[in-house]
Every structure is written in structure tokens, then in C-alpha cells.
């Protein structure tokens, strides 16, 4: 189709906007601008504006410098008897996105408390996730049902990649630590059945477990863009 010359700038702008939307980063958090020892800024910088951090805890939520991660990171702890939540919430996602990816770097502490890492929609309906439990990586296969994928090392850097395939209605996870890769692909999405999805990443400790349990995370990304191959092969060390 030919367009009049005076419309070409508008057409090109629309095409570029569509291309950007198809591969956009929905949320990114690296805590480099935060103050060590303080709570993180709940309003995340970057484009689009409006991304945020939500947490039900304050006492053990702190920006720290972790030796394994090599930069300012966010520590999430298990103190207190109630369920603890930490969520990374994008302001929006494209309703056209068939594939949505969430990935981050993390270090689990040596004290034990089961930690759930899961992808949810904005209404906190679970899409899928894993549990780190006594050195085991367990993928959630249904309500209170888990399948053990393998083991992880406490105190050692790992990288997690979640993939949501909205068109196929499936969820996949890859857990990378050193030379080890633990994967489970093609799991049915738990509760999200259709329509636009604004996905959020949630970390949660249930009641009980060692109150000294900690998890440190960094470089959190939720995106409609495939992550780099280096992330799929091994954790990205500083």
C-alpha cells in the first residue's frame, strides 16, 4: 500500500511503536540507585513509569551488597509468624503479547524456610512457580502439589527463568546454578485462562520455618523479549 507523503512520518512512527511494544521490557529492578541498609524505593525507575515494589514486611526487607551478586541487591526475610509477600508489579503489559518472560538472579541463605517464587497476574492469581525447600527445587504442578526437579546450593548464585506462553496456555521454568540446569516445560497455567495479563513476580514465605531465613535477589526483569542466551546457559556472575 502506498501512503501520501505527508502521512509517512505518522505511519513510520506507528510501525516503530508497534515494534517497540512487541519486544518491550515491562519491569526492571536492579537497586543500584537505592541506599544500602535502607528500604528500597517502591517506585521503580525506568520506562514505563509506574512499576512498583509491594511488600508486607519491612523489618527484614533491606538493600544490601551481596558478595555473590556483586552489587546492590534486595534482601527478603522470614521474620514474623504471618505469610510474607514481596511483589514486583509492572504498570501494564501488552494484550498482544503471546510470550512473557520473567528472570532474575538470587541467592538463598543457609537458614531454612520454604520459599515460593511465582508468577501471578495483577489479581494475585497464580500462573505458575517453584519452591526452594531444604535444598530442593520443586515446581508447582497444582494446588499444594509439587514435583521435585533437583537440588540447589545455598549461599551460591543462581538464575531463574519463567516463561509464560499465553497462546499455548503453558508455563515453563529453568533454574540455572553453575553447570546445573533444572527445567520443567509445558505445565498448564494454573488459574489464568485468557484476556490481557499484566504479570507480576511474587516471592513469599509461609508461616513457620526459621525466622533467620533470607533470600537476596537482583536484576529482576519481566519482559516480552527473549532473554539473552548467556542467561539460559549459566548464571550471570558479576
C-alpha atoms as a PDB file:
ATOM      1  CA  UNK A   1       0.000   0.000   0.000  1.00  0.00           C
ATOM      2  CA  UNK A   2       1.267   3.496  -0.860  1.00  0.00           C
ATOM      3  CA  UNK A   3       0.790   6.311   1.623  1.00  0.00           C
ATOM      4  CA  UNK A   4       0.685  10.062   0.836  1.00  0.00           C
ATOM      5  CA  UNK A   5       3.997  11.735   1.599  1.00  0.00           C
ATOM      6  CA  UNK A   6       2.535  13.842   4.404  1.00  0.00           C
ATOM      7  CA  UNK A   7       1.348  10.672   6.193  1.00  0.00           C
ATOM      8  CA  UNK A   8       4.625   8.773   6.020  1.00  0.00           C
ATOM      9  CA  UNK A   9       6.038  10.156   9.308  1.00  0.00           C
ATOM     10  CA  UNK A  10       2.885   9.055  11.131  1.00  0.00           C
ATOM     11  CA  UNK A  11       2.975   5.601   9.536  1.00  0.00           C
ATOM     12  CA  UNK A  12       6.640   5.129  10.427  1.00  0.00           C
ATOM     13  CA  UNK A  13       6.031   6.288  13.983  1.00  0.00           C
ATOM     14  CA  UNK A  14       3.169   3.823  14.373  1.00  0.00           C
ATOM     15  CA  UNK A  15       5.288   0.987  12.998  1.00  0.00           C
ATOM     16  CA  UNK A  16       8.133   1.797  15.377  1.00  0.00           C
ATOM     17  CA  UNK A  17       5.735   1.972  18.306  1.00  0.00           C
ATOM     18  CA  UNK A  18       4.293  -1.415  17.404  1.00  0.00           C
ATOM     19  CA  UNK A  19       7.780  -2.925  17.099  1.00  0.00           C
ATOM     20  CA  UNK A  20       8.736  -1.500  20.484  1.00  0.00           C
ATOM     21  CA  UNK A  21       5.562  -2.872  22.064  1.00  0.00           C
ATOM     22  CA  UNK A  22       6.250  -6.352  20.693  1.00  0.00           C
ATOM     23  CA  UNK A  23       9.640  -6.609  22.452  1.00  0.00           C
ATOM     24  CA  UNK A  24       9.338  -4.204  25.348  1.00  0.00           C
ATOM     25  CA  UNK A  25      10.672  -4.645  28.866  1.00  0.00           C
ATOM     26  CA  UNK A  26       7.735  -4.472  31.255  1.00  0.00           C
ATOM     27  CA  UNK A  27       9.687  -4.142  34.512  1.00  0.00           C
ATOM     28  CA  UNK A  28      13.331  -3.922  35.555  1.00  0.00           C
ATOM     29  CA  UNK A  29      14.742  -3.646  39.086  1.00  0.00           C
ATOM     30  CA  UNK A  30      18.435  -3.581  39.997  1.00  0.00           C
ATOM     31  CA  UNK A  31      18.503  -1.433  43.225  1.00  0.00           C
ATOM     32  CA  UNK A  32      21.688   0.360  42.142  1.00  0.00           C
ATOM     33  CA  UNK A  33      20.143   3.751  42.963  1.00  0.00           C
ATOM     34  CA  UNK A  34      18.949   2.673  46.421  1.00  0.00           C
ATOM     35  CA  UNK A  35      20.677   3.262  49.745  1.00  0.00           C
ATOM     36  CA  UNK A  36      22.439   0.286  51.342  1.00  0.00           C
ATOM     37  CA  UNK A  37      20.790  -0.643  54.632  1.00  0.00           C
ATOM     38  CA  UNK A  38      17.517   1.115  53.770  1.00  0.00           C
ATOM     39  CA  UNK A  39      14.194   0.025  52.339  1.00  0.00           C
ATOM     40  CA  UNK A  40      14.064   0.037  48.525  1.00  0.00           C
ATOM     41  CA  UNK A  41      12.264   2.757  46.642  1.00  0.00           C
ATOM     42  CA  UNK A  42       8.845   1.236  45.956  1.00  0.00           C
ATOM     43  CA  UNK A  43       8.546   3.270  42.755  1.00  0.00           C
ATOM     44  CA  UNK A  44      10.845   1.666  40.218  1.00  0.00           C
ATOM     45  CA  UNK A  45      12.686   3.956  37.791  1.00  0.00           C
ATOM     46  CA  UNK A  46      12.638   3.498  34.040  1.00  0.00           C
ATOM     47  CA  UNK A  47      10.153   3.254  31.224  1.00  0.00           C
ATOM     48  CA  UNK A  48       7.246   2.742  31.562  1.00  0.00           C
ATOM     49  CA  UNK A  49       6.706   4.864  34.647  1.00  0.00           C
ATOM     50  CA  UNK A  50       4.530   3.347  37.338  1.00  0.00           C
ATOM     51  CA  UNK A  51       6.227  -0.010  38.009  1.00  0.00           C
ATOM     52  CA  UNK A  52       6.398  -0.728  41.715  1.00  0.00           C
ATOM     53  CA  UNK A  53       7.501  -2.983  44.565  1.00  0.00           C
ATOM     54  CA  UNK A  54       4.902  -4.286  47.011  1.00  0.00           C
ATOM     55  CA  UNK A  55       5.806  -5.885  50.341  1.00  0.00           C
ATOM     56  CA  UNK A  56       4.054  -6.927  53.531  1.00  0.00           C
ATOM     57  CA  UNK A  57       7.306  -6.833  55.512  1.00  0.00           C
ATOM     58  CA  UNK A  58       9.666  -4.012  56.431  1.00  0.00           C
ATOM     59  CA  UNK A  59      11.919  -5.294  59.209  1.00  0.00           C
ATOM     60  CA  UNK A  60      13.872  -7.763  57.055  1.00  0.00           C
ATOM     61  CA  UNK A  61      13.455  -6.040  53.680  1.00  0.00           C
ATOM     62  CA  UNK A  62      16.706  -4.175  53.040  1.00  0.00           C
ATOM     63  CA  UNK A  63      19.024  -3.129  50.247  1.00  0.00           C
ATOM     64  CA  UNK A  64      22.325  -4.934  50.752  1.00  0.00           C
ATOM     65  CA  UNK A  65      25.596  -5.572  48.936  1.00  0.00           C
ATOM     66  CA  UNK A  66      25.803  -9.321  48.389  1.00  0.00           C
ATOM     67  CA  UNK A  67      29.216 -10.821  47.616  1.00  0.00           C
ATOM     68  CA  UNK A  68      27.770 -13.487  45.318  1.00  0.00           C
ATOM     69  CA  UNK A  69      25.682 -10.996  43.339  1.00  0.00           C
ATOM     70  CA  UNK A  70      28.424  -8.377  43.394  1.00  0.00           C
ATOM     71  CA  UNK A  71      26.146  -5.346  43.523  1.00  0.00           C
ATOM     72  CA  UNK A  72      23.355  -3.692  45.466  1.00  0.00           C
ATOM     73  CA  UNK A  73      20.577  -6.237  45.835  1.00  0.00           C
ATOM     74  CA  UNK A  74      17.363  -6.719  47.804  1.00  0.00           C
ATOM     75  CA  UNK A  75      17.190  -8.983  50.869  1.00  0.00           C
ATOM     76  CA  UNK A  76      13.823 -10.537  51.789  1.00  0.00           C
ATOM     77  CA  UNK A  77      13.426 -12.278  55.147  1.00  0.00           C
ATOM     78  CA  UNK A  78      11.121 -14.630  57.061  1.00  0.00           C
ATOM     79  CA  UNK A  79      10.783 -12.894  60.422  1.00  0.00           C
ATOM     80  CA  UNK A  80       7.264 -12.907  61.844  1.00  0.00           C
ATOM     81  CA  UNK A  81       4.571 -15.576  62.069  1.00  0.00           C
ATOM     82  CA  UNK A  82       2.371 -14.455  59.179  1.00  0.00           C
ATOM     83  CA  UNK A  83       2.727 -15.073  55.429  1.00  0.00           C
ATOM     84  CA  UNK A  84       5.274 -12.656  53.954  1.00  0.00           C
ATOM     85  CA  UNK A  85       4.955 -11.293  50.396  1.00  0.00           C
ATOM     86  CA  UNK A  86       7.320  -9.381  48.125  1.00  0.00           C
ATOM     87  CA  UNK A  87       5.959  -8.448  44.701  1.00  0.00           C
ATOM     88  CA  UNK A  88       7.373  -6.751  41.605  1.00  0.00           C
ATOM     89  CA  UNK A  89       4.459  -5.179  39.767  1.00  0.00           C
ATOM     90  CA  UNK A  90       4.553  -3.805  36.194  1.00  0.00           C
ATOM     91  CA  UNK A  91       2.201  -0.962  35.450  1.00  0.00           C
ATOM     92  CA  UNK A  92       0.935  -2.676  32.283  1.00  0.00           C
ATOM     93  CA  UNK A  93       1.555  -5.342  29.659  1.00  0.00           C
ATOM     94  CA  UNK A  94       0.606  -5.549  26.027  1.00  0.00           C
ATOM     95  CA  UNK A  95      -2.579  -7.567  25.454  1.00  0.00           C
ATOM     96  CA  UNK A  96      -0.942  -8.751  22.224  1.00  0.00           C
ATOM     97  CA  UNK A  97       1.952 -10.470  23.991  1.00  0.00           C
ATOM     98  CA  UNK A  98       1.861 -14.247  23.480  1.00  0.00           C
ATOM     99  CA  UNK A  99       5.142 -14.809  25.356  1.00  0.00           C
ATOM    100  CA  UNK A 100       6.098 -13.198  28.661  1.00  0.00           C
ATOM    101  CA  UNK A 101       9.409 -13.859  30.410  1.00  0.00           C
ATOM    102  CA  UNK A 102      10.498 -13.209  33.996  1.00  0.00           C
ATOM    103  CA  UNK A 103      14.076 -13.773  35.108  1.00  0.00           C
ATOM    104  CA  UNK A 104      16.333 -12.746  37.965  1.00  0.00           C
ATOM    105  CA  UNK A 105      19.449 -13.647  39.955  1.00  0.00           C
ATOM    106  CA  UNK A 106      19.148 -14.905  43.511  1.00  0.00           C
ATOM    107  CA  UNK A 107      20.977 -16.366  46.494  1.00  0.00           C
ATOM    108  CA  UNK A 108      19.165 -18.456  49.110  1.00  0.00           C
ATOM    109  CA  UNK A 109      20.508 -18.273  52.663  1.00  0.00           C
ATOM    110  CA  UNK A 110      21.546 -21.249  54.786  1.00  0.00           C
ATOM    111  CA  UNK A 111      18.681 -20.983  57.310  1.00  0.00           C
ATOM    112  CA  UNK A 112      15.631 -22.995  56.259  1.00  0.00           C
ATOM    113  CA  UNK A 113      12.112 -21.845  55.442  1.00  0.00           C
ATOM    114  CA  UNK A 114      10.197 -22.875  52.292  1.00  0.00           C
ATOM    115  CA  UNK A 115      10.257 -20.001  49.801  1.00  0.00           C
ATOM    116  CA  UNK A 116       7.749 -19.767  46.951  1.00  0.00           C
ATOM    117  CA  UNK A 117       8.767 -17.906  43.786  1.00  0.00           C
ATOM    118  CA  UNK A 118       5.841 -17.477  41.446  1.00  0.00           C
ATOM    119  CA  UNK A 119       4.384 -15.591  38.534  1.00  0.00           C
ATOM    120  CA  UNK A 120       0.893 -14.203  39.029  1.00  0.00           C
ATOM    121  CA  UNK A 121      -1.477 -11.886  37.258  1.00  0.00           C
ATOM    122  CA  UNK A 122      -2.234  -8.498  38.763  1.00  0.00           C
ATOM    123  CA  UNK A 123      -5.084 -10.015  40.831  1.00  0.00           C
ATOM    124  CA  UNK A 124      -2.574 -12.404  42.507  1.00  0.00           C
ATOM    125  CA  UNK A 125      -3.977 -15.408  40.635  1.00  0.00           C
ATOM    126  CA  UNK A 126      -1.114 -17.891  40.301  1.00  0.00           C
ATOM    127  CA  UNK A 127       0.203 -18.635  36.826  1.00  0.00           C
ATOM    128  CA  UNK A 128       2.997 -20.984  37.941  1.00  0.00           C
ATOM    129  CA  UNK A 129       6.098 -21.136  40.090  1.00  0.00           C
ATOM    130  CA  UNK A 130       8.675 -23.040  42.121  1.00  0.00           C
ATOM    131  CA  UNK A 131       9.508 -23.642  45.770  1.00  0.00           C
ATOM    132  CA  UNK A 132      13.001 -23.683  47.296  1.00  0.00           C
ATOM    133  CA  UNK A 133      12.719 -26.147  50.168  1.00  0.00           C
ATOM    134  CA  UNK A 134      15.583 -27.746  52.172  1.00  0.00           C
ATOM    135  CA  UNK A 135      17.995 -27.622  49.250  1.00  0.00           C
ATOM    136  CA  UNK A 136      15.410 -28.895  46.746  1.00  0.00           C
ATOM    137  CA  UNK A 137      13.938 -27.073  43.757  1.00  0.00           C
ATOM    138  CA  UNK A 138      10.290 -28.076  43.441  1.00  0.00           C
ATOM    139  CA  UNK A 139       7.969 -26.930  40.658  1.00  0.00           C
ATOM    140  CA  UNK A 140       4.329 -26.294  41.464  1.00  0.00           C
ATOM    141  CA  UNK A 141       2.040 -28.623  39.466  1.00  0.00           C
ATOM    142  CA  UNK A 142      -1.251 -27.673  41.128  1.00  0.00           C
ATOM    143  CA  UNK A 143      -2.771 -26.502  44.384  1.00  0.00           C
ATOM    144  CA  UNK A 144      -0.438 -27.812  47.119  1.00  0.00           C
ATOM    145  CA  UNK A 145       1.165 -30.206  44.612  1.00  0.00           C
ATOM    146  CA  UNK A 146       4.865 -30.092  43.748  1.00  0.00           C
ATOM    147  CA  UNK A 147       7.307 -32.057  41.624  1.00  0.00           C
ATOM    148  CA  UNK A 148      10.987 -32.147  42.634  1.00  0.00           C
ATOM    149  CA  UNK A 149      13.334 -31.017  39.855  1.00  0.00           C
ATOM    150  CA  UNK A 150      16.632 -31.411  41.694  1.00  0.00           C
ATOM    151  CA  UNK A 151      18.869 -29.725  44.236  1.00  0.00           C
ATOM    152  CA  UNK A 152      20.372 -26.282  44.665  1.00  0.00           C
ATOM    153  CA  UNK A 153      23.288 -24.969  46.714  1.00  0.00           C
ATOM    154  CA  UNK A 154      22.521 -22.500  49.467  1.00  0.00           C
ATOM    155  CA  UNK A 155      24.623 -19.366  49.516  1.00  0.00           C
ATOM    156  CA  UNK A 156      25.507 -19.764  45.814  1.00  0.00           C
ATOM    157  CA  UNK A 157      24.284 -17.603  42.944  1.00  0.00           C
ATOM    158  CA  UNK A 158      21.504 -18.984  40.766  1.00  0.00           C
ATOM    159  CA  UNK A 159      19.370 -17.635  37.933  1.00  0.00           C
ATOM    160  CA  UNK A 160      15.689 -18.395  37.387  1.00  0.00           C
ATOM    161  CA  UNK A 161      13.746 -18.016  34.140  1.00  0.00           C
ATOM    162  CA  UNK A 162       9.948 -18.272  33.946  1.00  0.00           C
ATOM    163  CA  UNK A 163       8.224 -18.367  30.559  1.00  0.00           C
ATOM    164  CA  UNK A 164       4.508 -17.821  30.090  1.00  0.00           C
ATOM    165  CA  UNK A 165       3.145 -18.937  26.708  1.00  0.00           C
ATOM    166  CA  UNK A 166      -0.321 -17.407  26.633  1.00  0.00           C
ATOM    167  CA  UNK A 167      -1.172 -18.846  23.221  1.00  0.00           C
ATOM    168  CA  UNK A 168      -0.383 -22.414  24.310  1.00  0.00           C
ATOM    169  CA  UNK A 169      -1.688 -21.844  27.846  1.00  0.00           C
ATOM    170  CA  UNK A 170       1.544 -23.158  29.395  1.00  0.00           C
ATOM    171  CA  UNK A 171       4.178 -22.187  31.948  1.00  0.00           C
ATOM    172  CA  UNK A 172       7.836 -23.257  31.961  1.00  0.00           C
ATOM    173  CA  UNK A 173      10.716 -22.835  34.384  1.00  0.00           C
ATOM    174  CA  UNK A 174      14.502 -23.094  34.064  1.00  0.00           C
ATOM    175  CA  UNK A 175      16.754 -22.954  37.143  1.00  0.00           C
ATOM    176  CA  UNK A 176      20.478 -22.398  36.465  1.00  0.00           C
ATOM    177  CA  UNK A 177      23.261 -22.767  39.032  1.00  0.00           C
ATOM    178  CA  UNK A 178      26.835 -23.309  37.915  1.00  0.00           C
ATOM    179  CA  UNK A 179      26.858 -26.207  35.433  1.00  0.00           C
ATOM    180  CA  UNK A 180      23.421 -27.414  36.605  1.00  0.00           C
ATOM    181  CA  UNK A 181      20.203 -26.719  34.713  1.00  0.00           C
ATOM    182  CA  UNK A 182      16.846 -27.822  36.127  1.00  0.00           C
ATOM    183  CA  UNK A 183      13.895 -27.454  33.774  1.00  0.00           C
ATOM    184  CA  UNK A 184      10.196 -28.187  33.528  1.00  0.00           C
ATOM    185  CA  UNK A 185       8.309 -27.041  30.458  1.00  0.00           C
ATOM    186  CA  UNK A 186       4.745 -27.067  29.210  1.00  0.00           C
ATOM    187  CA  UNK A 187       2.923 -27.040  32.552  1.00  0.00           C
ATOM    188  CA  UNK A 188      -0.707 -25.886  32.314  1.00  0.00           C
ATOM    189  CA  UNK A 189      -1.317 -22.346  33.547  1.00  0.00           C
ATOM    190  CA  UNK A 190      -2.989 -22.637  36.928  1.00  0.00           C
ATOM    191  CA  UNK A 191      -5.751 -20.039  37.004  1.00  0.00           C
ATOM    192  CA  UNK A 192      -5.349 -17.535  34.163  1.00  0.00           C
ATOM    193  CA  UNK A 193      -7.421 -18.617  31.186  1.00  0.00           C
ATOM    194  CA  UNK A 194      -7.499 -15.726  28.750  1.00  0.00           C
ATOM    195  CA  UNK A 195      -7.628 -11.999  28.136  1.00  0.00           C
ATOM    196  CA  UNK A 196      -4.923  -9.449  28.776  1.00  0.00           C
ATOM    197  CA  UNK A 197      -2.432 -10.345  31.502  1.00  0.00           C
ATOM    198  CA  UNK A 198      -0.298  -7.951  33.498  1.00  0.00           C
ATOM    199  CA  UNK A 199       2.129 -10.414  35.142  1.00  0.00           C
ATOM    200  CA  UNK A 200       3.843  -9.787  38.466  1.00  0.00           C
ATOM    201  CA  UNK A 201       6.672 -11.681  40.158  1.00  0.00           C
ATOM    202  CA  UNK A 202       5.946 -12.701  43.749  1.00  0.00           C
ATOM    203  CA  UNK A 203       8.215 -14.086  46.491  1.00  0.00           C
ATOM    204  CA  UNK A 204       6.526 -15.469  49.585  1.00  0.00           C
ATOM    205  CA  UNK A 205       7.389 -17.183  52.850  1.00  0.00           C
ATOM    206  CA  UNK A 206       4.599 -19.100  54.566  1.00  0.00           C
ATOM    207  CA  UNK A 207       4.091 -19.139  58.321  1.00  0.00           C
ATOM    208  CA  UNK A 208       6.727 -21.092  60.230  1.00  0.00           C
ATOM    209  CA  UNK A 209      10.249 -22.057  59.257  1.00  0.00           C
ATOM    210  CA  UNK A 210      13.424 -20.493  60.586  1.00  0.00           C
ATOM    211  CA  UNK A 211      12.883 -16.737  61.116  1.00  0.00           C
ATOM    212  CA  UNK A 212      16.522 -16.229  60.121  1.00  0.00           C
ATOM    213  CA  UNK A 213      15.821 -17.449  56.555  1.00  0.00           C
ATOM    214  CA  UNK A 214      16.797 -14.920  53.893  1.00  0.00           C
ATOM    215  CA  UNK A 215      16.675 -14.624  50.096  1.00  0.00           C
ATOM    216  CA  UNK A 216      18.622 -11.999  48.154  1.00  0.00           C
ATOM    217  CA  UNK A 217      17.602 -11.075  44.612  1.00  0.00           C
ATOM    218  CA  UNK A 218      18.814  -8.721  41.889  1.00  0.00           C
ATOM    219  CA  UNK A 219      18.436  -7.852  38.202  1.00  0.00           C
ATOM    220  CA  UNK A 220      14.720  -8.662  38.096  1.00  0.00           C
ATOM    221  CA  UNK A 221      13.262  -8.402  34.601  1.00  0.00           C
ATOM    222  CA  UNK A 222       9.742  -9.027  33.295  1.00  0.00           C
ATOM    223  CA  UNK A 223       9.696  -8.730  29.539  1.00  0.00           C
ATOM    224  CA  UNK A 224       8.079  -9.600  26.252  1.00  0.00           C
ATOM    225  CA  UNK A 225      11.589 -10.097  24.864  1.00  0.00           C
ATOM    226  CA  UNK A 226      13.527 -13.372  24.833  1.00  0.00           C
ATOM    227  CA  UNK A 227      16.338 -13.214  27.409  1.00  0.00           C
ATOM    228  CA  UNK A 228      19.961 -13.425  26.219  1.00  0.00           C
ATOM    229  CA  UNK A 229      21.427 -16.858  25.560  1.00  0.00           C
ATOM    230  CA  UNK A 230      24.036 -16.315  28.273  1.00  0.00           C
ATOM    231  CA  UNK A 231      21.265 -16.330  30.876  1.00  0.00           C
ATOM    232  CA  UNK A 232      19.967 -19.673  29.636  1.00  0.00           C
ATOM    233  CA  UNK A 233      23.395 -21.314  29.808  1.00  0.00           C
ATOM    234  CA  UNK A 234      24.572 -20.249  33.254  1.00  0.00           C
ATOM    235  CA  UNK A 235      24.073 -17.575  35.906  1.00  0.00           C
ATOM    236  CA  UNK A 236      25.449 -14.160  35.015  1.00  0.00           C
ATOM    237  CA  UNK A 237      28.211 -13.569  37.546  1.00  0.00           C
ATOM    238  CA  UNK A 238      29.411 -10.026  38.276  1.00  0.00           C
END
